[in-house]
């Protein structure tokens, strides 16, 4: 009985030891002198015993002691090596890249008691949801000098540098005067996707209705696998369950008045009078016209100075031109300039 049990225990020990040694990897041979010393020690203990059971006990204890000694000898280096590898892997893991901003807050309109907490110069990141309350508004500076203006009572989710989701409310986008091959803004709404091509346009979303007004360029609305286009001077209205319709809307209509207070200030550093006139007329939805080549050349060669901080585009136009020899008049959707001789 004892022999059978011993054989079973020995078999289990051998299997356990073999598994552990495989995990430890390659190891050097044990010196022959040490093996011989242990063998003779076991033999002496067995010969000194007078009873077989006692001899078996001594022999088995020595064998187990020997196995444990070998196990400790090889597990310790293996454990140290494994710890070193884990530490190396942990320390060599690259740090997560810092999020990259896709816009900057360029202007804030808010009452004195506003709790919105937006500040000029603050960075905007993908995943941010910008929300305005009553009498609040924001303007954002995007890539390529594009701008986005957020009206009051609006919720806008930032999805990427050129993509946003209008959850509710109204926004105005100005993607600049240049058309980029891979550019343009994309505005997702609950009622379709709005894409622009070098335009100024507004998008408003409310319960069951989408309104897109185009001040310059062209906009495409895709909904229910159908594309509808609106161009400069048109307003596209989509009513859920009724489809889309297009109507006319003047580029200088009162509809656009809400964006005036959110107009980013014009930087006059190293700018010509012509640069300023292009900005001012574009912000008011009018076209710039000169009565003569002489007046156009004058605007190109004249630099602008001073500050127009706090002025609307119309107020800035009057203030700047009052310091020059140019006269101007407004004709519906045009600003006409002419050279005059002043005393």
Protein backbone atom coordinates (compact mmCIF):
# COMPACT_ATOMS: atom_id res chain seq x y z
CA UNK A 1 0.00 0.00 0.00
CA UNK A 2 2.79 2.36 0.94
CA UNK A 3 4.69 1.60 -2.22
CA UNK A 4 1.64 2.27 -4.41
CA UNK A 5 0.90 5.59 -2.72
CA UNK A 6 4.53 6.61 -2.97
CA UNK A 7 4.54 5.83 -6.68
CA UNK A 8 1.42 7.95 -7.23
CA UNK A 9 2.90 10.86 -5.25
CA UNK A 10 6.16 10.56 -7.12
CA UNK A 11 4.35 10.59 -10.47
CA UNK A 12 2.46 13.76 -9.50
CA UNK A 13 5.66 15.39 -8.32
CA UNK A 14 7.43 14.51 -11.53
CA UNK A 15 4.63 15.98 -13.69
CA UNK A 16 4.52 19.18 -11.64
CA UNK A 17 8.27 19.55 -11.69
CA UNK A 18 8.41 18.91 -15.46
CA UNK A 19 5.78 21.63 -16.11
CA UNK A 20 7.59 24.16 -13.95
CA UNK A 21 10.96 23.43 -15.52
CA UNK A 22 9.49 23.89 -19.01
CA UNK A 23 8.23 27.31 -17.98
CA UNK A 24 11.68 28.20 -16.60
CA UNK A 25 13.30 27.53 -19.96
CA UNK A 26 16.82 26.31 -20.73
CA UNK A 27 19.11 25.76 -17.72
CA UNK A 28 22.72 24.54 -17.22
CA UNK A 29 23.54 21.00 -16.17
CA UNK A 30 23.91 20.29 -12.42
CA UNK A 31 27.59 19.62 -11.54
CA UNK A 32 28.36 15.91 -11.24
CA UNK A 33 30.05 16.36 -7.84
CA UNK A 34 26.83 17.69 -6.32
CA UNK A 35 24.73 14.86 -7.73
CA UNK A 36 27.19 12.24 -6.44
CA UNK A 37 27.25 13.81 -2.98
CA UNK A 38 23.50 13.73 -2.72
CA UNK A 39 23.31 10.16 -4.02
CA UNK A 40 25.83 8.85 -1.46
CA UNK A 41 24.09 10.73 1.32
CA UNK A 42 20.80 9.04 0.47
CA UNK A 43 22.52 5.65 0.29
CA UNK A 44 24.12 6.09 3.76
CA UNK A 45 20.80 7.06 5.33
CA UNK A 46 19.13 4.00 3.87
CA UNK A 47 21.86 1.63 5.07
CA UNK A 48 21.76 3.10 8.58
CA UNK A 49 18.05 2.39 8.89
CA UNK A 50 17.04 -0.92 10.53
CA UNK A 51 13.43 -0.95 9.30
CA UNK A 52 12.24 -0.78 5.73
CA UNK A 53 9.40 1.69 6.41
CA UNK A 54 11.80 4.06 8.14
CA UNK A 55 14.25 3.75 5.27
CA UNK A 56 11.51 4.58 2.79
CA UNK A 57 10.52 7.61 4.80
CA UNK A 58 14.08 8.96 4.99
CA UNK A 59 14.68 8.25 1.33
CA UNK A 60 11.48 9.97 0.25
CA UNK A 61 12.12 13.03 2.42
CA UNK A 62 15.59 13.45 0.97
CA UNK A 63 14.22 13.11 -2.55
CA UNK A 64 11.57 15.74 -1.89
CA UNK A 65 14.15 18.07 -0.35
CA UNK A 66 16.32 17.63 -3.39
CA UNK A 67 13.41 18.41 -5.76
CA UNK A 68 12.47 21.53 -3.81
CA UNK A 69 16.06 22.74 -3.90
CA UNK A 70 16.21 22.28 -7.66
CA UNK A 71 12.80 23.93 -8.06
CA UNK A 72 13.81 26.99 -6.07
CA UNK A 73 17.06 27.24 -7.94
CA UNK A 74 15.35 27.46 -11.35
CA UNK A 75 12.12 29.26 -10.45
CA UNK A 76 13.88 32.24 -8.89
CA UNK A 77 15.81 33.22 -12.06
CA UNK A 78 12.75 32.50 -14.17
CA UNK A 79 10.61 34.73 -11.94
CA UNK A 80 13.16 37.53 -12.08
CA UNK A 81 13.36 37.23 -15.87
CA UNK A 82 9.56 37.28 -16.21
CA UNK A 83 9.32 40.35 -13.96
CA UNK A 84 11.97 42.11 -16.04
CA UNK A 85 10.10 41.37 -19.27
CA UNK A 86 6.79 42.62 -17.82
CA UNK A 87 8.42 45.79 -16.53
CA UNK A 88 10.02 46.42 -19.94
CA UNK A 89 6.72 45.90 -21.76
CA UNK A 90 4.90 48.22 -19.37
CA UNK A 91 7.50 50.98 -19.61
CA UNK A 92 7.86 50.67 -23.38
CA UNK A 93 4.15 51.16 -24.06
CA UNK A 94 3.70 54.43 -26.01
CA UNK A 95 1.75 57.14 -24.29
CA UNK A 96 -1.71 57.90 -25.66
CA UNK A 97 -1.50 60.87 -28.03
CA UNK A 98 -2.91 64.12 -26.70
CA UNK A 99 -6.21 65.16 -28.30
CA UNK A 100 -5.86 67.68 -31.13
CA UNK A 101 -8.13 70.71 -31.15
CA UNK A 102 -10.18 71.34 -34.29
CA UNK A 103 -11.41 74.85 -33.56
CA UNK A 104 -10.88 77.90 -31.38
CA UNK A 105 -13.50 80.09 -29.74
CA UNK A 106 -13.15 83.40 -31.60
CA UNK A 107 -15.99 85.33 -29.99
CA UNK A 108 -18.59 85.09 -27.25
CA UNK A 109 -21.89 86.91 -26.88
CA UNK A 110 -23.50 86.35 -23.49
CA UNK A 111 -25.47 88.25 -20.86
CA UNK A 112 -23.69 89.34 -17.69
CA UNK A 113 -25.12 86.43 -15.66
CA UNK A 114 -24.28 83.76 -18.24
CA UNK A 115 -23.15 80.40 -16.89
CA UNK A 116 -21.95 79.00 -20.22
CA UNK A 117 -18.30 79.39 -19.26
CA UNK A 118 -16.95 79.82 -22.81
CA UNK A 119 -13.93 82.07 -23.22
CA UNK A 120 -12.25 83.56 -26.28
CA UNK A 121 -9.20 81.56 -27.28
CA UNK A 122 -10.47 78.31 -25.74
CA UNK A 123 -9.73 75.14 -27.72
CA UNK A 124 -12.53 72.95 -29.05
CA UNK A 125 -12.03 69.18 -29.41
CA UNK A 126 -13.83 66.34 -31.22
CA UNK A 127 -16.63 65.04 -29.05
CA UNK A 128 -17.35 68.42 -27.45
CA UNK A 129 -20.99 69.51 -27.38
CA UNK A 130 -21.35 73.29 -27.50
CA UNK A 131 -24.60 74.57 -26.02
CA UNK A 132 -25.90 78.12 -25.86
CA UNK A 133 -28.77 79.51 -23.82
CA UNK A 134 -31.06 82.47 -24.49
CA UNK A 135 -29.18 85.60 -25.61
CA UNK A 136 -25.95 83.63 -25.93
CA UNK A 137 -23.85 82.98 -29.02
CA UNK A 138 -20.44 81.69 -30.05
CA UNK A 139 -18.18 82.06 -33.05
CA UNK A 140 -15.52 79.47 -33.87
CA UNK A 141 -12.41 79.74 -36.00
CA UNK A 142 -11.84 76.53 -37.98
CA UNK A 143 -9.08 75.36 -40.30
CA UNK A 144 -8.39 77.32 -43.53
CA UNK A 145 -9.85 80.45 -41.87
CA UNK A 146 -13.37 79.03 -42.05
CA UNK A 147 -15.73 80.22 -39.34
CA UNK A 148 -18.80 78.84 -37.62
CA UNK A 149 -21.28 80.94 -35.65
CA UNK A 150 -23.68 79.41 -33.16
CA UNK A 151 -26.99 81.15 -32.43
CA UNK A 152 -28.78 81.18 -29.08
CA UNK A 153 -30.60 78.07 -27.82
CA UNK A 154 -28.41 75.80 -29.95
CA UNK A 155 -26.70 72.45 -29.33
CA UNK A 156 -23.85 71.56 -31.67
CA UNK A 157 -21.69 68.44 -31.46
CA UNK A 158 -18.11 68.62 -32.77
CA UNK A 159 -17.31 65.49 -34.79
CA UNK A 160 -14.09 66.56 -36.51
CA UNK A 161 -12.26 69.46 -38.20
CA UNK A 162 -14.84 69.73 -40.99
CA UNK A 163 -17.82 67.84 -39.59
CA UNK A 164 -20.44 68.80 -37.02
CA UNK A 165 -23.82 67.56 -35.86
CA UNK A 166 -26.53 70.16 -35.32
CA UNK A 167 -28.70 68.66 -32.61
CA UNK A 168 -30.98 71.68 -32.37
CA UNK A 169 -30.94 75.42 -32.98
CA UNK A 170 -29.19 77.38 -35.73
CA UNK A 171 -25.65 77.88 -37.02
CA UNK A 172 -24.02 79.96 -39.75
CA UNK A 173 -20.99 78.64 -41.63
CA UNK A 174 -18.49 80.54 -43.76
CA UNK A 175 -16.09 78.12 -45.42
CA UNK A 176 -14.15 80.91 -47.10
CA UNK A 177 -13.88 82.34 -50.59
CA UNK A 178 -11.82 79.43 -51.89
CA UNK A 179 -13.10 76.05 -53.03
CA UNK A 180 -10.96 73.13 -51.85
CA UNK A 181 -10.95 69.88 -53.77
CA UNK A 182 -11.26 67.84 -50.57
CA UNK A 183 -12.68 70.62 -48.44
CA UNK A 184 -16.08 71.89 -47.46
CA UNK A 185 -18.05 71.56 -44.27
CA UNK A 186 -20.44 68.74 -43.47
CA UNK A 187 -23.32 69.37 -41.09
CA UNK A 188 -25.26 66.33 -39.91
CA UNK A 189 -28.82 66.94 -38.72
CA UNK A 190 -31.69 64.68 -37.61
CA UNK A 191 -33.28 65.27 -41.05
CA UNK A 192 -30.36 64.95 -43.45
CA UNK A 193 -26.75 65.84 -44.22
CA UNK A 194 -25.81 69.34 -45.43
CA UNK A 195 -22.65 69.73 -47.56
CA UNK A 196 -21.26 72.99 -48.90
CA UNK A 197 -19.03 74.04 -51.77
CA UNK A 198 -17.20 77.27 -50.92
CA UNK A 199 -20.19 78.93 -49.31
CA UNK A 200 -21.79 81.05 -46.66
CA UNK A 201 -24.89 79.32 -45.38
CA UNK A 202 -27.11 78.87 -42.36
CA UNK A 203 -28.66 75.67 -41.03
CA UNK A 204 -31.52 75.55 -38.54
CA UNK A 205 -33.06 72.39 -37.10
CA UNK A 206 -36.25 72.24 -35.08
CA UNK A 207 -38.98 69.70 -34.39
CA UNK A 208 -39.66 67.98 -37.71
CA UNK A 209 -38.17 70.77 -39.86
CA UNK A 210 -34.84 71.69 -41.41
CA UNK A 211 -34.06 75.11 -42.87
CA UNK A 212 -30.99 75.83 -45.05
CA UNK A 213 -30.32 79.38 -46.33
CA UNK A 214 -27.51 80.05 -48.82
CA UNK A 215 -25.83 83.42 -48.90
CA UNK A 216 -23.02 82.50 -51.27
CA UNK A 217 -22.10 79.43 -53.30
CA UNK A 218 -24.10 76.23 -53.22
CA UNK A 219 -25.34 73.70 -50.66
CA UNK A 220 -26.53 70.14 -51.06
CA UNK A 221 -28.98 68.47 -48.68
CA UNK A 222 -29.17 64.68 -48.71
CA UNK A 223 -32.10 63.02 -46.97
CA UNK A 224 -33.81 59.66 -47.52
CA UNK A 225 -31.32 58.88 -50.32
CA UNK A 226 -32.47 62.03 -52.17
CA UNK A 227 -30.26 65.06 -52.88
CA UNK A 228 -31.65 68.60 -53.12
CA UNK A 229 -29.51 71.62 -54.02
CA UNK A 230 -29.86 75.29 -53.09
CA UNK A 231 -27.69 78.08 -54.48
CA UNK A 232 -26.92 81.68 -53.60
CA UNK A 233 -30.06 83.65 -52.73
CA UNK A 234 -32.16 80.56 -52.04
CA UNK A 235 -33.66 78.98 -48.98
CA UNK A 236 -34.30 75.27 -48.76
CA UNK A 237 -36.95 74.03 -46.33
CA UNK A 238 -37.44 70.38 -45.49
CA UNK A 239 -40.50 69.31 -43.51
CA UNK A 240 -40.56 65.78 -42.24
CA UNK A 241 -43.20 63.78 -44.07
CA UNK A 242 -43.71 66.49 -46.72
CA UNK A 243 -40.36 66.73 -48.51
CA UNK A 244 -38.26 69.74 -49.49
CA UNK A 245 -39.03 73.05 -51.18
CA UNK A 246 -36.83 75.94 -52.36
CA UNK A 247 -37.68 79.65 -52.16
CA UNK A 248 -35.83 82.94 -52.69
CA UNK A 249 -33.99 84.79 -49.91
CA UNK A 250 -31.98 87.97 -50.42
CA UNK A 251 -28.38 87.75 -49.27
CA UNK A 252 -28.86 91.00 -47.29
CA UNK A 253 -32.27 90.05 -45.87
CA UNK A 254 -33.04 90.68 -42.19
CA UNK A 255 -32.89 86.92 -41.77
CA UNK A 256 -29.09 87.28 -41.54
CA UNK A 257 -29.07 89.98 -38.86
CA UNK A 258 -28.51 87.51 -36.00
CA UNK A 259 -24.96 86.77 -37.16
CA UNK A 260 -23.79 90.40 -36.96
CA UNK A 261 -22.97 90.27 -33.25
CA UNK A 262 -20.94 87.08 -33.78
CA UNK A 263 -18.79 88.42 -36.62
CA UNK A 264 -15.07 87.75 -35.96
CA UNK A 265 -13.07 90.96 -35.84
CA UNK A 266 -11.13 91.78 -39.00
CA UNK A 267 -7.35 91.76 -38.49
CA UNK A 268 -6.06 94.88 -40.24
CA UNK A 269 -2.37 94.03 -39.84
CA UNK A 270 -0.64 94.49 -43.22
CA UNK A 271 -4.00 94.70 -44.97
CA UNK A 272 -5.01 96.98 -47.83
CA UNK A 273 -8.20 98.98 -48.07
CA UNK A 274 -9.35 96.52 -50.75
CA UNK A 275 -8.87 93.61 -48.32
CA UNK A 276 -11.04 95.40 -45.78
CA UNK A 277 -13.73 96.26 -48.35
CA UNK A 278 -13.94 92.65 -49.50
CA UNK A 279 -14.39 91.52 -45.90
CA UNK A 280 -16.99 94.16 -45.01
CA UNK A 281 -19.17 93.60 -48.07
CA UNK A 282 -18.98 89.82 -47.77
CA UNK A 283 -20.08 90.02 -44.14
CA UNK A 284 -23.12 92.07 -45.14
CA UNK A 285 -24.08 89.83 -48.06
CA UNK A 286 -23.40 92.48 -50.69
CA UNK A 287 -21.16 92.65 -53.74
CA UNK A 288 -18.32 95.15 -54.08
CA UNK A 289 -18.32 97.39 -57.17
CA UNK A 290 -15.99 100.22 -58.27
CA UNK A 291 -17.10 102.93 -60.68
CA UNK A 292 -13.63 103.25 -62.15
CA UNK A 293 -10.27 101.50 -62.36
CA UNK A 294 -8.79 104.51 -60.60
CA UNK A 295 -10.87 103.93 -57.46
CA UNK A 296 -10.00 100.20 -57.47
CA UNK A 297 -6.27 100.92 -57.77
CA UNK A 298 -6.56 103.43 -54.94
CA UNK A 299 -8.11 100.75 -52.70
CA UNK A 300 -5.36 98.28 -53.62
CA UNK A 301 -2.54 100.71 -52.81
CA UNK A 302 -3.97 102.15 -49.59
CA UNK A 303 -3.21 100.50 -46.26
CA UNK A 304 -5.71 100.45 -43.39
CA UNK A 305 -4.87 101.30 -39.81
CA UNK A 306 -6.62 101.76 -36.50
CA UNK A 307 -9.15 99.59 -34.71
CA UNK A 308 -12.70 98.58 -35.53
CA UNK A 309 -13.20 96.59 -32.35
CA UNK A 310 -16.83 96.45 -31.28
CA UNK A 311 -18.13 97.73 -34.63
CA UNK A 312 -20.51 95.93 -36.94
CA UNK A 313 -19.33 95.50 -40.55
CA UNK A 314 -21.59 98.38 -41.66
CA UNK A 315 -20.25 100.65 -38.89
CA UNK A 316 -16.67 99.69 -39.72
CA UNK A 317 -17.26 100.40 -43.41
CA UNK A 318 -18.47 103.91 -42.68
CA UNK A 319 -15.65 104.61 -40.18
CA UNK A 320 -12.81 103.44 -42.42
CA UNK A 321 -14.05 105.07 -45.64
CA UNK A 322 -14.54 108.38 -43.82
CA UNK A 323 -10.73 108.61 -43.58
CA UNK A 324 -10.20 108.15 -47.34
CA UNK A 325 -11.09 109.98 -50.56
CA UNK A 326 -13.55 107.28 -51.58
CA UNK A 327 -17.29 107.79 -51.48
CA UNK A 328 -19.67 104.87 -51.31
CA UNK A 329 -23.34 104.17 -51.69
CA UNK A 330 -25.47 101.07 -51.14
CA UNK A 331 -27.66 99.85 -53.97
CA UNK A 332 -29.74 96.89 -52.81
CA UNK A 333 -27.20 94.04 -52.84
CA UNK A 334 -24.19 96.16 -53.87
CA UNK A 335 -21.71 98.57 -52.31
CA UNK A 336 -20.50 100.99 -55.01
CA UNK A 337 -17.34 103.03 -54.51
CA UNK A 338 -16.14 106.06 -56.46
CA UNK A 339 -13.09 108.29 -56.20
CA UNK A 340 -13.84 111.86 -55.13
CA UNK A 341 -11.80 115.02 -54.78
CA UNK A 342 -11.96 116.43 -51.28
CA UNK A 343 -10.64 119.88 -50.27
